[in-house]
Amino acid sequence: MKAEDIRAFSDDQLTDELLKLKKEQFNLRFQGATGQLEKTARVRQVRRDIARIKTIQAEKKPAVKKEA
């Protein structure tokens, strides 16, 4: 998934996609532990997609200024 595609999502869509990817990540870890994982590269891809979504969610939040 590309970052520009993720940026087009609404906040609710980002949250839903993040939840979906976290479930997939859990299932992939479980498959890896039981020796049933066929596409090992998918683990890395899912992890990076999760990071992209979290980064874009942080960018969309209004910046909170710290006062000294």
N, C-alpha and C. Protein backbone atom coordinates (compact mmCIF):
# COMPACT_ATOMS: atom_id res chain seq x y z
N MET A 1 0.85 -1.17 0.00
CA MET A 1 0.00 0.00 0.00
C MET A 1 0.90 1.24 0.00
N LYS A 2 0.57 2.18 -0.84
CA LYS A 2 1.38 3.38 -0.96
C LYS A 2 0.89 4.46 0.00
N ALA A 3 1.82 5.33 0.39
CA ALA A 3 1.49 6.39 1.34
C ALA A 3 0.45 7.34 0.76
N GLU A 4 0.53 7.62 -0.52
CA GLU A 4 -0.44 8.56 -1.11
C GLU A 4 -1.85 7.97 -1.10
N ASP A 5 -1.96 6.65 -1.21
CA ASP A 5 -3.28 6.01 -1.10
C ASP A 5 -3.81 6.10 0.33
N ILE A 6 -2.91 5.92 1.28
CA ILE A 6 -3.30 5.97 2.69
C ILE A 6 -3.73 7.38 3.07
N ARG A 7 -3.07 8.39 2.55
CA ARG A 7 -3.40 9.77 2.88
C ARG A 7 -4.82 10.13 2.44
N ALA A 8 -5.35 9.44 1.44
CA ALA A 8 -6.70 9.72 0.96
C ALA A 8 -7.78 9.16 1.89
N PHE A 9 -7.40 8.28 2.80
CA PHE A 9 -8.36 7.67 3.72
C PHE A 9 -8.82 8.67 4.77
N SER A 10 -10.03 8.48 5.25
CA SER A 10 -10.53 9.28 6.37
C SER A 10 -9.97 8.67 7.67
N ASP A 11 -10.20 9.36 8.78
CA ASP A 11 -9.69 8.87 10.07
C ASP A 11 -10.30 7.51 10.41
N ASP A 12 -11.59 7.34 10.14
CA ASP A 12 -12.24 6.06 10.44
C ASP A 12 -11.69 4.95 9.56
N GLN A 13 -11.45 5.25 8.29
CA GLN A 13 -10.89 4.26 7.39
C GLN A 13 -9.48 3.87 7.82
N LEU A 14 -8.69 4.84 8.28
CA LEU A 14 -7.34 4.54 8.75
C LEU A 14 -7.39 3.61 9.96
N THR A 15 -8.30 3.89 10.87
CA THR A 15 -8.43 3.06 12.06
C THR A 15 -8.85 1.64 11.69
N ASP A 16 -9.81 1.52 10.78
CA ASP A 16 -10.27 0.20 10.33
C ASP A 16 -9.14 -0.57 9.64
N GLU A 17 -8.40 0.12 8.78
CA GLU A 17 -7.30 -0.53 8.06
C GLU A 17 -6.21 -0.97 9.03
N LEU A 18 -5.92 -0.14 10.02
CA LEU A 18 -4.91 -0.48 11.02
C LEU A 18 -5.33 -1.73 11.80
N LEU A 19 -6.59 -1.79 12.19
CA LEU A 19 -7.10 -2.95 12.91
C LEU A 19 -7.00 -4.21 12.05
N LYS A 20 -7.36 -4.08 10.78
CA LYS A 20 -7.28 -5.21 9.86
C LYS A 20 -5.84 -5.72 9.71
N LEU A 21 -4.91 -4.78 9.58
CA LEU A 21 -3.50 -5.16 9.42
C LEU A 21 -2.94 -5.78 10.69
N LYS A 22 -3.35 -5.29 11.83
CA LYS A 22 -2.86 -5.88 13.09
C LYS A 22 -3.38 -7.30 13.26
N LYS A 23 -4.62 -7.56 12.85
CA LYS A 23 -5.15 -8.92 12.89
C LYS A 23 -4.37 -9.82 11.94
N GLU A 24 -4.07 -9.31 10.74
CA GLU A 24 -3.30 -10.08 9.77
C GLU A 24 -1.90 -10.36 10.31
N GLN A 25 -1.30 -9.36 10.96
CA GLN A 25 0.02 -9.54 11.54
C GLN A 25 0.01 -10.65 12.60
N PHE A 26 -1.01 -10.65 13.43
CA PHE A 26 -1.14 -11.70 14.44
C PHE A 26 -1.24 -13.07 13.78
N ASN A 27 -2.08 -13.17 12.76
CA ASN A 27 -2.26 -14.45 12.07
C ASN A 27 -0.96 -14.90 11.40
N LEU A 28 -0.23 -13.96 10.82
CA LEU A 28 1.03 -14.31 10.18
C LEU A 28 2.06 -14.79 11.20
N ARG A 29 2.10 -14.13 12.37
CA ARG A 29 3.02 -14.57 13.43
C ARG A 29 2.64 -15.98 13.89
N PHE A 30 1.36 -16.23 14.01
CA PHE A 30 0.89 -17.55 14.44
C PHE A 30 1.26 -18.61 13.41
N GLN A 31 1.07 -18.28 12.13
CA GLN A 31 1.43 -19.23 11.07
C GLN A 31 2.94 -19.49 11.07
N GLY A 32 3.73 -18.46 11.31
CA GLY A 32 5.17 -18.62 11.35
C GLY A 32 5.60 -19.51 12.50
N ALA A 33 4.94 -19.38 13.64
CA ALA A 33 5.29 -20.19 14.81
C ALA A 33 4.92 -21.65 14.61
N THR A 34 3.86 -21.90 13.84
CA THR A 34 3.43 -23.28 13.63
C THR A 34 4.01 -23.88 12.35
N GLY A 35 4.79 -23.09 11.63
CA GLY A 35 5.44 -23.61 10.42
C GLY A 35 4.55 -23.65 9.20
N GLN A 36 3.45 -22.91 9.21
CA GLN A 36 2.52 -22.92 8.09
C GLN A 36 2.65 -21.70 7.19
N LEU A 37 3.58 -20.80 7.51
CA LEU A 37 3.72 -19.55 6.75
C LEU A 37 4.40 -19.81 5.42
N GLU A 38 3.74 -19.43 4.33
CA GLU A 38 4.29 -19.64 3.00
C GLU A 38 4.96 -18.38 2.46
N LYS A 39 4.32 -17.23 2.61
CA LYS A 39 4.86 -15.98 2.09
C LYS A 39 5.50 -15.20 3.24
N THR A 40 6.77 -15.44 3.47
CA THR A 40 7.45 -14.80 4.60
C THR A 40 7.61 -13.30 4.38
N ALA A 41 7.65 -12.85 3.15
CA ALA A 41 7.82 -11.43 2.86
C ALA A 41 6.58 -10.63 3.28
N ARG A 42 5.45 -11.29 3.39
CA ARG A 42 4.21 -10.59 3.77
C ARG A 42 4.31 -10.03 5.19
N VAL A 43 5.07 -10.69 6.07
CA VAL A 43 5.25 -10.21 7.44
C VAL A 43 5.87 -8.81 7.41
N ARG A 44 6.92 -8.67 6.64
CA ARG A 44 7.61 -7.38 6.52
C ARG A 44 6.70 -6.32 5.90
N GLN A 45 5.96 -6.71 4.88
CA GLN A 45 5.07 -5.79 4.18
C GLN A 45 3.97 -5.27 5.11
N VAL A 46 3.39 -6.15 5.89
CA VAL A 46 2.32 -5.76 6.83
C VAL A 46 2.88 -4.84 7.90
N ARG A 47 4.07 -5.17 8.41
CA ARG A 47 4.69 -4.34 9.45
C ARG A 47 4.93 -2.93 8.94
N ARG A 48 5.39 -2.81 7.72
CA ARG A 48 5.65 -1.49 7.15
C ARG A 48 4.36 -0.73 6.85
N ASP A 49 3.32 -1.43 6.43
CA ASP A 49 2.03 -0.78 6.20
C ASP A 49 1.46 -0.23 7.51
N ILE A 50 1.62 -0.99 8.59
CA ILE A 50 1.18 -0.51 9.91
C ILE A 50 1.92 0.76 10.28
N ALA A 51 3.22 0.77 10.04
CA ALA A 51 4.03 1.95 10.36
C ALA A 51 3.60 3.15 9.52
N ARG A 52 3.31 2.92 8.24
CA ARG A 52 2.84 4.00 7.37
C ARG A 52 1.55 4.61 7.89
N ILE A 53 0.61 3.75 8.26
CA ILE A 53 -0.68 4.24 8.74
C ILE A 53 -0.50 5.03 10.04
N LYS A 54 0.31 4.52 10.95
CA LYS A 54 0.54 5.23 12.21
C LYS A 54 1.21 6.58 11.97
N THR A 55 2.14 6.63 11.03
CA THR A 55 2.81 7.88 10.71
C THR A 55 1.82 8.90 10.15
N ILE A 56 0.98 8.49 9.25
CA ILE A 56 0.01 9.40 8.63
C ILE A 56 -1.04 9.84 9.65
N GLN A 57 -1.43 8.93 10.56
CA GLN A 57 -2.35 9.33 11.62
C GLN A 57 -1.72 10.41 12.50
N ALA A 58 -0.44 10.28 12.79
CA ALA A 58 0.26 11.28 13.61
C ALA A 58 0.37 12.60 12.86
N GLU A 59 0.57 12.55 11.56
CA GLU A 59 0.65 13.78 10.76
C GLU A 59 -0.68 14.52 10.73
N LYS A 60 -1.78 13.76 10.72
CA LYS A 60 -3.09 14.38 10.62
C LYS A 60 -3.55 15.00 11.93
N LYS A 61 -2.98 14.55 13.04
CA LYS A 61 -3.35 15.13 14.33
C LYS A 61 -2.79 16.54 14.41
N PRO A 62 -3.56 17.44 15.01
CA PRO A 62 -3.01 18.81 15.16
C PRO A 62 -1.83 18.80 16.11
N ALA A 63 -0.83 19.55 15.76
CA ALA A 63 0.38 19.61 16.58
C ALA A 63 0.10 20.35 17.88
N VAL A 64 0.53 19.78 18.97
CA VAL A 64 0.35 20.40 20.28
C VAL A 64 1.67 21.09 20.63
N LYS A 65 1.57 22.41 20.85
CA LYS A 65 2.78 23.18 21.16
C LYS A 65 3.08 23.10 22.64
N LYS A 66 4.34 22.88 22.93
CA LYS A 66 4.78 22.87 24.33
C LYS A 66 5.24 24.25 24.72
N GLU A 67 4.76 24.71 25.84
CA GLU A 67 5.20 26.01 26.32
C GLU A 67 6.31 25.82 27.32
N ALA A 68 7.32 26.68 27.23
CA ALA A 68 8.49 26.55 28.10
C ALA A 68 8.25 27.09 29.48
